[in-house]
Protein backbone atom coordinates (compact mmCIF):
# COMPACT_ATOMS: atom_id res chain seq x y z
CA MET A 1 79.97 10.69 -107.47
CA LYS A 2 82.06 13.20 -109.35
CA VAL A 3 79.16 15.30 -110.70
CA ALA A 4 77.74 15.68 -107.21
CA GLN A 5 81.13 17.01 -106.07
CA ILE A 6 81.21 19.39 -108.98
CA TYR A 7 77.74 20.68 -108.04
CA ARG A 8 78.70 21.06 -104.37
CA LYS A 9 81.91 22.98 -105.19
CA THR A 10 80.50 25.21 -107.97
CA GLY A 11 76.75 25.29 -107.53
CA ASN A 12 76.58 25.13 -111.33
CA LEU A 13 73.53 23.00 -111.98
CA ARG A 14 73.64 23.60 -115.74
CA ALA A 15 77.17 22.23 -115.97
CA VAL A 16 76.09 19.10 -114.10
CA GLN A 17 73.10 18.74 -116.42
CA LEU A 18 75.43 18.88 -119.44
CA LEU A 19 77.92 16.43 -117.90
CA LEU A 20 75.12 13.95 -117.22
CA GLY A 21 73.62 14.43 -120.68
CA ASN A 22 70.21 15.20 -119.23
CA THR A 23 67.81 17.15 -121.40
CA LYS A 24 65.50 18.07 -118.55
CA MET A 25 66.64 20.00 -115.50
CA ASP A 26 64.29 18.06 -113.24
CA SER A 27 66.15 14.83 -114.10
CA THR A 28 69.38 16.45 -112.92
CA VAL A 29 67.72 17.74 -109.78
CA ARG A 30 66.38 14.29 -108.92
CA TYR A 31 69.80 12.75 -109.57
CA LEU A 32 71.48 15.18 -107.22
CA GLY A 33 68.69 15.11 -104.65
CA VAL A 34 68.45 18.88 -104.35
CA GLU A 35 65.33 20.94 -103.86
CA LEU A 36 63.69 21.97 -107.10
CA GLU A 37 63.16 25.62 -106.21
CA GLY A 38 66.79 26.06 -105.15
CA ALA A 39 67.99 24.25 -108.22
CA LEU A 40 65.87 26.35 -110.55
CA ALA A 41 67.10 29.54 -108.90
CA ILE A 42 70.68 28.43 -109.49
CA ALA A 43 69.93 27.45 -113.09
CA GLU A 44 68.32 30.81 -113.78
CA ALA A 45 71.30 32.64 -112.28
CA VAL A 46 73.75 30.85 -114.61
CA GLU A 47 74.05 32.51 -117.99
CA ILE A 48 74.38 30.19 -120.93
């Protein structure tokens, strides 16, 4: 899946969330199958 590749290459969880059209970060995390704590740390590190 393209968004999974984008996440693996960039680590930008917020960008993936936007591309998927998810309003909740946990939906994106479940879709990608990543750990919630790691995903939230990445999301917090990305300035919007």
